[in-house]
Amino acid sequence: MELSRIERTMERRRRSCGFDRNDLRRGMDRWQWFIGLMLLLAGTVVASVAAVHIGGAVYDSGVRTERHEAAVFHATDATVVKVHEASRTRGVTVSWVAPDGSRRTGGYETWRGASVGDHVRVWVGSAGVREDPPRPHARTIGDAVAYAVGTVAVTAAVFFGAYQLLRRRFDEVRYRLWDAAWADFDRHRIGP
């Protein structure tokens, strides 16, 4: 029965990973395969637990920040009354009418262009004035996912690095064994 190209590729991959009963495999090859499989399983468990823990912590922190900023800041229309250039940003002083009818002023730093007399939308609260709206929920989700993916990547890199060190050590021993076997083979006289 003829195997398809995909089946041949899968069979070759299976054998290269050590999933066969090859009598020529040494005990060292089987140990390397077993330890590599254990590192893979351990890395999967550690990465999953760490990603859920860190992603959850970042998500909870983001939700708390969302609620705090939504409670503290409210949007208002303001007029730019003064602009001064800073090193990389621009300091903007704005004036607005508070809900109680009093006129208020405050300032914030921005990289956007602003001129005296411009009407801008700002968020005002007990912490001051800012041009950015309160934290959106999409940012919280994005941050949690990014931290979870980063955690998985870092954990995978650590376990992959451990496997590479293990493989290097096994290769050194394997090469020594090969050299000893060849030296033993050279000592035998072949022929009459």
N, C-alpha and C. Protein backbone atom coordinates (compact mmCIF):
# COMPACT_ATOMS: atom_id res chain seq x y z
N MET A 1 0.85 -1.17 0.00
CA MET A 1 0.00 0.00 0.00
C MET A 1 0.89 1.23 0.00
N GLU A 2 0.65 2.11 -0.91
CA GLU A 2 1.44 3.33 -1.08
C GLU A 2 0.94 4.42 -0.14
N LEU A 3 1.87 5.04 0.61
CA LEU A 3 1.51 6.14 1.51
C LEU A 3 1.50 7.44 0.72
N SER A 4 0.59 8.33 1.07
CA SER A 4 0.56 9.63 0.41
C SER A 4 1.74 10.47 0.92
N ARG A 5 1.95 11.56 0.26
CA ARG A 5 3.06 12.45 0.62
C ARG A 5 2.90 12.97 2.05
N ILE A 6 1.68 13.33 2.42
CA ILE A 6 1.42 13.84 3.77
C ILE A 6 1.66 12.74 4.79
N GLU A 7 1.21 11.53 4.50
CA GLU A 7 1.42 10.42 5.42
C GLU A 7 2.90 10.12 5.60
N ARG A 8 3.66 10.18 4.49
CA ARG A 8 5.11 9.96 4.58
C ARG A 8 5.77 11.04 5.43
N THR A 9 5.35 12.27 5.26
CA THR A 9 5.90 13.38 6.05
C THR A 9 5.57 13.19 7.53
N MET A 10 4.32 12.82 7.83
CA MET A 10 3.93 12.60 9.22
C MET A 10 4.68 11.42 9.83
N GLU A 11 4.88 10.36 9.04
CA GLU A 11 5.63 9.20 9.53
C GLU A 11 7.08 9.59 9.83
N ARG A 12 7.67 10.38 8.95
CA ARG A 12 9.05 10.83 9.16
C ARG A 12 9.15 11.70 10.41
N ARG A 13 8.18 12.61 10.61
CA ARG A 13 8.17 13.45 11.81
C ARG A 13 8.01 12.60 13.08
N ARG A 14 7.13 11.61 13.02
CA ARG A 14 6.91 10.73 14.17
C ARG A 14 8.19 9.99 14.54
N ARG A 15 8.89 9.48 13.55
CA ARG A 15 10.14 8.75 13.81
C ARG A 15 11.23 9.70 14.31
N SER A 16 11.29 10.92 13.77
CA SER A 16 12.34 11.85 14.18
C SER A 16 12.14 12.32 15.63
N CYS A 17 10.90 12.28 16.11
CA CYS A 17 10.62 12.65 17.50
C CYS A 17 10.83 11.47 18.45
N GLY A 18 11.14 10.30 17.91
CA GLY A 18 11.42 9.15 18.76
C GLY A 18 10.23 8.27 19.03
N PHE A 19 9.11 8.49 18.34
CA PHE A 19 7.93 7.65 18.54
C PHE A 19 8.00 6.42 17.63
N ASP A 20 8.99 5.60 17.83
CA ASP A 20 9.09 4.34 17.09
C ASP A 20 9.84 3.33 17.94
N ARG A 21 9.91 2.12 17.48
CA ARG A 21 10.58 1.05 18.23
C ARG A 21 11.89 0.69 17.51
N ASN A 22 12.68 1.69 17.19
CA ASN A 22 13.93 1.48 16.49
C ASN A 22 14.95 0.85 17.43
N ASP A 23 15.46 -0.33 17.06
CA ASP A 23 16.43 -1.02 17.91
C ASP A 23 17.78 -0.33 17.94
N LEU A 24 18.04 0.56 16.99
CA LEU A 24 19.32 1.24 16.95
C LEU A 24 19.37 2.45 17.89
N ARG A 25 18.22 2.80 18.45
CA ARG A 25 18.22 3.92 19.41
C ARG A 25 18.89 3.47 20.69
N ARG A 26 19.74 4.34 21.18
CA ARG A 26 20.42 4.05 22.45
C ARG A 26 19.53 4.47 23.61
N GLY A 27 19.91 4.02 24.78
CA GLY A 27 19.18 4.41 25.97
C GLY A 27 19.21 5.92 26.17
N MET A 28 20.32 6.51 25.78
CA MET A 28 20.47 7.96 25.90
C MET A 28 19.45 8.69 25.01
N ASP A 29 19.21 8.15 23.82
CA ASP A 29 18.23 8.77 22.93
C ASP A 29 16.84 8.70 23.53
N ARG A 30 16.54 7.55 24.13
CA ARG A 30 15.23 7.41 24.76
C ARG A 30 15.10 8.35 25.97
N TRP A 31 16.16 8.51 26.76
CA TRP A 31 16.13 9.44 27.90
C TRP A 31 15.95 10.87 27.42
N GLN A 32 16.64 11.24 26.37
CA GLN A 32 16.50 12.60 25.84
C GLN A 32 15.07 12.85 25.39
N TRP A 33 14.49 11.87 24.71
CA TRP A 33 13.12 12.00 24.26
C TRP A 33 12.18 12.12 25.46
N PHE A 34 12.36 11.27 26.48
CA PHE A 34 11.50 11.27 27.66
C PHE A 34 11.61 12.59 28.42
N ILE A 35 12.83 13.07 28.64
CA ILE A 35 13.02 14.33 29.36
C ILE A 35 12.45 15.50 28.55
N GLY A 36 12.65 15.47 27.25
CA GLY A 36 12.07 16.50 26.39
C GLY A 36 10.55 16.52 26.47
N LEU A 37 9.95 15.34 26.48
CA LEU A 37 8.49 15.26 26.60
C LEU A 37 8.03 15.78 27.96
N MET A 38 8.78 15.46 29.01
CA MET A 38 8.42 15.96 30.35
C MET A 38 8.56 17.48 30.41
N LEU A 39 9.60 18.02 29.78
CA LEU A 39 9.76 19.49 29.74
C LEU A 39 8.61 20.13 28.97
N LEU A 40 8.18 19.49 27.90
CA LEU A 40 7.06 20.02 27.12
C LEU A 40 5.78 20.04 27.96
N LEU A 41 5.51 18.94 28.66
CA LEU A 41 4.32 18.88 29.51
C LEU A 41 4.40 19.89 30.65
N ALA A 42 5.55 19.94 31.31
CA ALA A 42 5.72 20.90 32.41
C ALA A 42 5.60 22.34 31.91
N GLY A 43 6.20 22.63 30.76
CA GLY A 43 6.10 23.97 30.20
C GLY A 43 4.68 24.35 29.85
N THR A 44 3.91 23.39 29.34
CA THR A 44 2.51 23.65 29.01
C THR A 44 1.71 23.97 30.26
N VAL A 45 1.92 23.19 31.31
CA VAL A 45 1.19 23.42 32.57
C VAL A 45 1.59 24.75 33.19
N VAL A 46 2.90 25.00 33.29
CA VAL A 46 3.38 26.24 33.91
C VAL A 46 2.91 27.46 33.10
N ALA A 47 3.02 27.39 31.78
CA ALA A 47 2.61 28.52 30.94
C ALA A 47 1.12 28.78 31.08
N SER A 48 0.32 27.72 31.12
CA SER A 48 -1.14 27.90 31.25
C SER A 48 -1.51 28.54 32.58
N VAL A 49 -0.96 28.00 33.66
CA VAL A 49 -1.28 28.53 34.99
C VAL A 49 -0.80 29.98 35.12
N ALA A 50 0.42 30.23 34.69
CA ALA A 50 0.98 31.59 34.80
C ALA A 50 0.19 32.58 33.93
N ALA A 51 -0.18 32.17 32.71
CA ALA A 51 -0.92 33.07 31.83
C ALA A 51 -2.29 33.41 32.41
N VAL A 52 -2.97 32.41 32.97
CA VAL A 52 -4.29 32.67 33.57
C VAL A 52 -4.13 33.58 34.79
N HIS A 53 -3.13 33.32 35.62
CA HIS A 53 -2.92 34.12 36.82
C HIS A 53 -2.56 35.57 36.47
N ILE A 54 -1.58 35.75 35.61
CA ILE A 54 -1.13 37.11 35.26
C ILE A 54 -2.18 37.84 34.44
N GLY A 55 -2.77 37.15 33.46
CA GLY A 55 -3.82 37.79 32.66
C GLY A 55 -5.00 38.21 33.52
N GLY A 56 -5.37 37.35 34.48
CA GLY A 56 -6.47 37.69 35.38
C GLY A 56 -6.15 38.88 36.27
N ALA A 57 -4.92 38.93 36.77
CA ALA A 57 -4.52 40.05 37.62
C ALA A 57 -4.52 41.36 36.84
N VAL A 58 -4.02 41.32 35.60
CA VAL A 58 -4.01 42.53 34.77
C VAL A 58 -5.44 42.95 34.43
N TYR A 59 -6.29 41.98 34.14
CA TYR A 59 -7.70 42.29 33.84
C TYR A 59 -8.39 42.93 35.05
N ASP A 60 -8.22 42.34 36.23
CA ASP A 60 -8.84 42.89 37.44
C ASP A 60 -8.36 44.31 37.72
N SER A 61 -7.06 44.53 37.56
CA SER A 61 -6.51 45.87 37.78
C SER A 61 -7.08 46.86 36.77
N GLY A 62 -7.21 46.43 35.52
CA GLY A 62 -7.78 47.30 34.48
C GLY A 62 -9.22 47.65 34.75
N VAL A 63 -10.00 46.67 35.21
CA VAL A 63 -11.41 46.94 35.52
C VAL A 63 -11.52 47.92 36.69
N ARG A 64 -10.67 47.76 37.70
CA ARG A 64 -10.68 48.72 38.82
C ARG A 64 -10.33 50.12 38.33
N THR A 65 -9.34 50.22 37.45
CA THR A 65 -8.95 51.53 36.90
C THR A 65 -10.09 52.11 36.07
N GLU A 66 -10.76 51.29 35.27
CA GLU A 66 -11.91 51.76 34.48
C GLU A 66 -12.97 52.37 35.39
N ARG A 67 -13.32 51.64 36.43
CA ARG A 67 -14.38 52.10 37.34
C ARG A 67 -13.97 53.38 38.07
N HIS A 68 -12.72 53.43 38.50
CA HIS A 68 -12.24 54.62 39.20
C HIS A 68 -12.26 55.84 38.28
N GLU A 69 -11.72 55.68 37.07
CA GLU A 69 -11.66 56.82 36.16
C GLU A 69 -13.05 57.25 35.71
N ALA A 70 -13.96 56.28 35.51
CA ALA A 70 -15.34 56.64 35.12
C ALA A 70 -16.05 57.40 36.23
N ALA A 71 -15.71 57.07 37.49
CA ALA A 71 -16.34 57.77 38.61
C ALA A 71 -15.72 59.13 38.86
N VAL A 72 -14.43 59.29 38.58
CA VAL A 72 -13.72 60.52 38.92
C VAL A 72 -13.79 61.56 37.81
N PHE A 73 -13.62 61.14 36.56
CA PHE A 73 -13.53 62.10 35.45
C PHE A 73 -14.86 62.22 34.71
N HIS A 74 -15.17 63.44 34.29
CA HIS A 74 -16.33 63.67 33.42
C HIS A 74 -15.90 64.60 32.28
N ALA A 75 -16.55 64.41 31.14
CA ALA A 75 -16.19 65.18 29.94
C ALA A 75 -16.78 66.57 30.01
N THR A 76 -16.03 67.52 29.50
CA THR A 76 -16.50 68.89 29.42
C THR A 76 -15.82 69.58 28.24
N ASP A 77 -16.48 70.59 27.71
CA ASP A 77 -15.89 71.39 26.64
C ASP A 77 -15.15 72.55 27.27
N ALA A 78 -13.93 72.79 26.78
CA ALA A 78 -13.11 73.86 27.35
C ALA A 78 -12.52 74.70 26.22
N THR A 79 -12.02 75.86 26.61
CA THR A 79 -11.38 76.77 25.67
C THR A 79 -9.92 76.92 26.06
N VAL A 80 -9.03 76.83 25.07
CA VAL A 80 -7.60 76.98 25.32
C VAL A 80 -7.32 78.45 25.57
N VAL A 81 -6.70 78.75 26.74
CA VAL A 81 -6.40 80.14 27.08
C VAL A 81 -4.90 80.42 27.05
N LYS A 82 -4.06 79.38 27.09
CA LYS A 82 -2.62 79.60 27.08
C LYS A 82 -1.94 78.33 26.57
N VAL A 83 -0.88 78.52 25.77
CA VAL A 83 -0.09 77.40 25.26
C VAL A 83 1.37 77.74 25.46
N HIS A 84 2.13 76.83 26.09
CA HIS A 84 3.57 77.04 26.20
C HIS A 84 4.28 75.75 25.77
N GLU A 85 5.35 75.96 25.03
CA GLU A 85 6.11 74.83 24.49
C GLU A 85 7.02 74.25 25.56
N ALA A 86 6.99 72.92 25.67
CA ALA A 86 7.92 72.21 26.55
C ALA A 86 8.94 71.50 25.65
N SER A 87 9.77 70.66 26.21
CA SER A 87 10.81 70.02 25.41
C SER A 87 10.24 69.17 24.29
N ARG A 88 9.34 68.23 24.61
CA ARG A 88 8.78 67.36 23.57
C ARG A 88 7.27 67.50 23.47
N THR A 89 6.68 68.10 24.47
CA THR A 89 5.23 68.25 24.48
C THR A 89 4.87 69.72 24.55
N ARG A 90 3.59 69.95 24.59
CA ARG A 90 3.08 71.32 24.64
C ARG A 90 2.20 71.43 25.88
N GLY A 91 2.46 72.41 26.72
CA GLY A 91 1.63 72.65 27.89
C GLY A 91 0.44 73.50 27.50
N VAL A 92 -0.75 73.01 27.82
CA VAL A 92 -1.98 73.70 27.44
C VAL A 92 -2.76 74.04 28.71
N THR A 93 -3.17 75.31 28.82
CA THR A 93 -4.04 75.74 29.91
C THR A 93 -5.42 76.00 29.31
N VAL A 94 -6.43 75.39 29.94
CA VAL A 94 -7.80 75.52 29.42
C VAL A 94 -8.69 76.11 30.50
N SER A 95 -9.82 76.66 30.03
CA SER A 95 -10.82 77.24 30.93
C SER A 95 -12.17 76.63 30.58
N TRP A 96 -12.97 76.31 31.61
CA TRP A 96 -14.29 75.73 31.38
C TRP A 96 -15.24 76.18 32.50
N VAL A 97 -16.50 75.92 32.27
CA VAL A 97 -17.52 76.26 33.26
C VAL A 97 -17.88 74.97 33.99
N ALA A 98 -17.75 74.98 35.32
CA ALA A 98 -18.05 73.80 36.14
C ALA A 98 -19.56 73.61 36.24
N PRO A 99 -20.02 72.42 36.65
CA PRO A 99 -21.47 72.19 36.78
C PRO A 99 -22.15 73.16 37.75
N ASP A 100 -21.41 73.70 38.72
CA ASP A 100 -22.01 74.66 39.66
C ASP A 100 -22.04 76.08 39.11
N GLY A 101 -21.55 76.29 37.87
CA GLY A 101 -21.57 77.60 37.22
C GLY A 101 -20.31 78.41 37.38
N SER A 102 -19.36 77.96 38.17
CA SER A 102 -18.12 78.72 38.36
C SER A 102 -17.14 78.42 37.22
N ARG A 103 -16.30 79.41 36.96
CA ARG A 103 -15.31 79.26 35.90
C ARG A 103 -14.05 78.66 36.50
N ARG A 104 -13.53 77.62 35.84
CA ARG A 104 -12.34 76.92 36.31
C ARG A 104 -11.28 76.91 35.23
N THR A 105 -10.03 76.79 35.68
CA THR A 105 -8.92 76.63 34.73
C THR A 105 -8.04 75.48 35.21
N GLY A 106 -7.35 74.88 34.25
CA GLY A 106 -6.43 73.78 34.55
C GLY A 106 -5.54 73.54 33.35
N GLY A 107 -4.51 72.78 33.57
CA GLY A 107 -3.59 72.53 32.47
C GLY A 107 -3.23 71.07 32.33
N TYR A 108 -2.75 70.75 31.15
CA TYR A 108 -2.28 69.39 30.86
C TYR A 108 -1.21 69.45 29.77
N GLU A 109 -0.48 68.37 29.65
CA GLU A 109 0.56 68.25 28.62
C GLU A 109 0.01 67.45 27.44
N THR A 110 0.35 67.87 26.24
CA THR A 110 -0.11 67.16 25.04
C THR A 110 0.96 67.23 23.95
N TRP A 111 0.89 66.30 23.04
CA TRP A 111 1.78 66.34 21.87
C TRP A 111 1.00 66.84 20.66
N ARG A 112 -0.31 66.99 20.82
CA ARG A 112 -1.16 67.48 19.73
C ARG A 112 -1.04 69.00 19.63
N GLY A 113 -1.35 69.51 18.46
CA GLY A 113 -1.31 70.95 18.26
C GLY A 113 -2.50 71.62 18.93
N ALA A 114 -2.26 72.76 19.51
CA ALA A 114 -3.34 73.54 20.14
C ALA A 114 -2.98 75.02 20.05
N SER A 115 -3.99 75.82 19.83
CA SER A 115 -3.79 77.27 19.74
C SER A 115 -4.77 77.95 20.69
N VAL A 116 -4.38 79.14 21.12
CA VAL A 116 -5.26 79.91 22.01
C VAL A 116 -6.58 80.16 21.30
N GLY A 117 -7.68 79.92 22.01
CA GLY A 117 -9.01 80.13 21.44
C GLY A 117 -9.65 78.85 20.91
N ASP A 118 -8.88 77.77 20.76
CA ASP A 118 -9.45 76.50 20.30
C ASP A 118 -10.41 75.94 21.34
N HIS A 119 -11.45 75.27 20.85
CA HIS A 119 -12.39 74.58 21.73
C HIS A 119 -12.01 73.09 21.71
N VAL A 120 -11.74 72.55 22.90
CA VAL A 120 -11.31 71.16 23.01
C VAL A 120 -12.20 70.43 24.02
N ARG A 121 -12.27 69.12 23.86
CA ARG A 121 -12.99 68.28 24.82
C ARG A 121 -11.96 67.70 25.77
N VAL A 122 -12.16 67.94 27.07
CA VAL A 122 -11.24 67.45 28.10
C VAL A 122 -12.04 66.69 29.16
N TRP A 123 -11.31 65.93 29.94
CA TRP A 123 -11.91 65.20 31.05
C TRP A 123 -11.39 65.81 32.35
N VAL A 124 -12.32 66.20 33.18
CA VAL A 124 -12.01 66.93 34.40
C VAL A 124 -12.41 66.07 35.60
N GLY A 125 -11.54 66.13 36.60
CA GLY A 125 -11.85 65.40 37.83
C GLY A 125 -11.02 65.93 38.97
N SER A 126 -11.11 65.24 40.11
CA SER A 126 -10.37 65.67 41.28
C SER A 126 -8.86 65.55 41.06
N ALA A 127 -8.45 64.70 40.13
CA ALA A 127 -7.03 64.53 39.85
C ALA A 127 -6.50 65.56 38.85
N GLY A 128 -7.36 66.40 38.33
CA GLY A 128 -6.92 67.43 37.40
C GLY A 128 -7.64 67.34 36.07
N VAL A 129 -6.97 67.87 35.05
CA VAL A 129 -7.52 67.92 33.70
C VAL A 129 -6.65 67.05 32.80
N ARG A 130 -7.29 66.36 31.88
CA ARG A 130 -6.53 65.57 30.90
C ARG A 130 -7.32 65.50 29.61
N GLU A 131 -6.60 65.20 28.52
CA GLU A 131 -7.27 65.13 27.23
C GLU A 131 -7.71 63.71 26.88
N ASP A 132 -7.20 62.71 27.59
CA ASP A 132 -7.56 61.33 27.31
C ASP A 132 -8.82 60.94 28.06
N PRO A 133 -9.73 60.23 27.40
CA PRO A 133 -10.94 59.79 28.08
C PRO A 133 -10.62 58.71 29.12
N PRO A 134 -11.57 58.39 29.98
CA PRO A 134 -11.34 57.29 30.93
C PRO A 134 -11.01 56.00 30.18
N ARG A 135 -10.34 55.12 30.86
CA ARG A 135 -9.87 53.87 30.25
C ARG A 135 -11.05 53.07 29.68
N PRO A 136 -10.98 52.68 28.39
CA PRO A 136 -12.05 51.87 27.81
C PRO A 136 -11.84 50.39 28.15
N HIS A 137 -12.92 49.63 28.12
CA HIS A 137 -12.85 48.20 28.46
C HIS A 137 -12.03 47.44 27.42
N ALA A 138 -12.05 47.88 26.18
CA ALA A 138 -11.26 47.20 25.13
C ALA A 138 -9.77 47.24 25.45
N ARG A 139 -9.31 48.32 26.04
CA ARG A 139 -7.90 48.41 26.43
C ARG A 139 -7.59 47.42 27.55
N THR A 140 -8.51 47.27 28.48
CA THR A 140 -8.32 46.30 29.57
C THR A 140 -8.20 44.89 29.01
N ILE A 141 -9.08 44.55 28.09
CA ILE A 141 -9.03 43.22 27.47
C ILE A 141 -7.74 43.05 26.68
N GLY A 142 -7.37 44.06 25.92
CA GLY A 142 -6.14 43.99 25.14
C GLY A 142 -4.90 43.82 26.02
N ASP A 143 -4.85 44.56 27.11
CA ASP A 143 -3.71 44.44 28.03
C ASP A 143 -3.65 43.05 28.65
N ALA A 144 -4.81 42.52 29.07
CA ALA A 144 -4.84 41.19 29.69
C ALA A 144 -4.38 40.12 28.69
N VAL A 145 -4.86 40.21 27.47
CA VAL A 145 -4.45 39.23 26.44
C VAL A 145 -2.96 39.37 26.14
N ALA A 146 -2.48 40.60 26.02
CA ALA A 146 -1.06 40.82 25.71
C ALA A 146 -0.16 40.27 26.82
N TYR A 147 -0.53 40.50 28.05
CA TYR A 147 0.27 39.97 29.17
C TYR A 147 0.22 38.45 29.21
N ALA A 148 -0.96 37.87 28.94
CA ALA A 148 -1.08 36.41 28.94
C ALA A 148 -0.23 35.80 27.82
N VAL A 149 -0.29 36.38 26.63
CA VAL A 149 0.51 35.88 25.51
C VAL A 149 2.00 36.06 25.79
N GLY A 150 2.36 37.20 26.35
CA GLY A 150 3.77 37.43 26.72
C GLY A 150 4.25 36.44 27.75
N THR A 151 3.39 36.10 28.71
CA THR A 151 3.76 35.11 29.73
C THR A 151 3.99 33.75 29.10
N VAL A 152 3.12 33.37 28.18
CA VAL A 152 3.29 32.08 27.49
C VAL A 152 4.59 32.09 26.69
N ALA A 153 4.88 33.19 26.00
CA ALA A 153 6.10 33.27 25.19
C ALA A 153 7.35 33.18 26.06
N VAL A 154 7.37 33.90 27.16
CA VAL A 154 8.54 33.86 28.05
C VAL A 154 8.72 32.48 28.66
N THR A 155 7.62 31.88 29.10
CA THR A 155 7.69 30.54 29.68
C THR A 155 8.17 29.53 28.64
N ALA A 156 7.64 29.63 27.43
CA ALA A 156 8.07 28.72 26.35
C ALA A 156 9.55 28.91 26.05
N ALA A 157 10.02 30.16 26.06
CA ALA A 157 11.44 30.41 25.79
C ALA A 157 12.32 29.79 26.88
N VAL A 158 11.88 29.88 28.13
CA VAL A 158 12.67 29.31 29.23
C VAL A 158 12.74 27.79 29.09
N PHE A 159 11.60 27.14 28.85
CA PHE A 159 11.61 25.68 28.74
C PHE A 159 12.31 25.22 27.46
N PHE A 160 12.18 25.97 26.38
CA PHE A 160 12.88 25.62 25.15
C PHE A 160 14.39 25.77 25.35
N GLY A 161 14.81 26.82 26.05
CA GLY A 161 16.23 27.00 26.35
C GLY A 161 16.76 25.87 27.22
N ALA A 162 15.96 25.43 28.20
CA ALA A 162 16.37 24.29 29.03
C ALA A 162 16.52 23.04 28.18
N TYR A 163 15.60 22.83 27.25
CA TYR A 163 15.72 21.66 26.38
C TYR A 163 16.95 21.76 25.48
N GLN A 164 17.25 22.96 24.99
CA GLN A 164 18.43 23.11 24.13
C GLN A 164 19.71 22.82 24.91
N LEU A 165 19.78 23.26 26.17
CA LEU A 165 20.95 22.94 27.00
C LEU A 165 21.04 21.43 27.24
N LEU A 166 19.90 20.82 27.53
CA LEU A 166 19.86 19.38 27.71
C LEU A 166 20.31 18.66 26.44
N ARG A 167 19.80 19.09 25.31
CA ARG A 167 20.16 18.46 24.04
C ARG A 167 21.64 18.61 23.75
N ARG A 168 22.19 19.79 24.02
CA ARG A 168 23.62 20.01 23.80
C ARG A 168 24.44 19.04 24.65
N ARG A 169 24.03 18.89 25.91
CA ARG A 169 24.75 17.97 26.80
C ARG A 169 24.63 16.52 26.32
N PHE A 170 23.45 16.10 25.91
CA PHE A 170 23.28 14.75 25.38
C PHE A 170 24.08 14.55 24.09
N ASP A 171 24.13 15.58 23.25
CA ASP A 171 24.93 15.47 22.01
C ASP A 171 26.41 15.30 22.32
N GLU A 172 26.92 16.04 23.31
CA GLU A 172 28.33 15.89 23.69
C GLU A 172 28.63 14.46 24.13
N VAL A 173 27.76 13.91 24.97
CA VAL A 173 27.95 12.53 25.43
C VAL A 173 27.80 11.57 24.26
N ARG A 174 26.82 11.79 23.40
CA ARG A 174 26.59 10.93 22.24
C ARG A 174 27.81 10.93 21.31
N TYR A 175 28.41 12.10 21.07
CA TYR A 175 29.59 12.17 20.21
C TYR A 175 30.78 11.43 20.84
N ARG A 176 30.92 11.55 22.16
CA ARG A 176 31.98 10.80 22.83
C ARG A 176 31.77 9.30 22.67
N LEU A 177 30.54 8.86 22.81
CA LEU A 177 30.25 7.44 22.63
C LEU A 177 30.51 6.98 21.19
N TRP A 178 30.17 7.83 20.24
CA TRP A 178 30.44 7.51 18.83
C TRP A 178 31.95 7.40 18.60
N ASP A 179 32.69 8.37 19.13
CA ASP A 179 34.15 8.32 18.96
C ASP A 179 34.73 7.06 19.60
N ALA A 180 34.24 6.68 20.77
CA ALA A 180 34.72 5.47 21.43
C ALA A 180 34.35 4.24 20.60
N ALA A 181 33.17 4.22 20.06
CA ALA A 181 32.75 3.07 19.23
C ALA A 181 33.61 2.97 17.98
N TRP A 182 33.92 4.09 17.34
CA TRP A 182 34.77 4.06 16.15
C TRP A 182 36.19 3.63 16.53
N ALA A 183 36.67 4.12 17.65
CA ALA A 183 38.02 3.71 18.08
C ALA A 183 38.04 2.21 18.37
N ASP A 184 37.00 1.68 18.96
CA ASP A 184 36.90 0.25 19.22
C ASP A 184 36.82 -0.53 17.91
N PHE A 185 36.12 0.02 16.95
CA PHE A 185 35.98 -0.63 15.65
C PHE A 185 37.33 -0.67 14.93
N ASP A 186 38.13 0.40 15.06
CA ASP A 186 39.45 0.45 14.41
C ASP A 186 40.41 -0.58 14.99
N ARG A 187 40.23 -0.98 16.22
CA ARG A 187 41.12 -1.95 16.85
C ARG A 187 40.91 -3.37 16.33
N HIS A 188 39.75 -3.63 15.79
CA HIS A 188 39.50 -4.97 15.27
C HIS A 188 40.13 -5.12 13.89
N ARG A 189 40.80 -6.22 13.73
CA ARG A 189 41.44 -6.49 12.43
C ARG A 189 40.42 -7.14 11.53
N ILE A 190 40.32 -6.60 10.34
CA ILE A 190 39.38 -7.12 9.36
C ILE A 190 40.21 -7.76 8.24
N GLY A 191 39.81 -8.93 7.84
CA GLY A 191 40.49 -9.58 6.71
C GLY A 191 41.42 -10.69 7.16
N PRO A 192 42.18 -11.31 6.16
CA PRO A 192 43.05 -12.44 6.48
C PRO A 192 44.27 -12.08 7.28
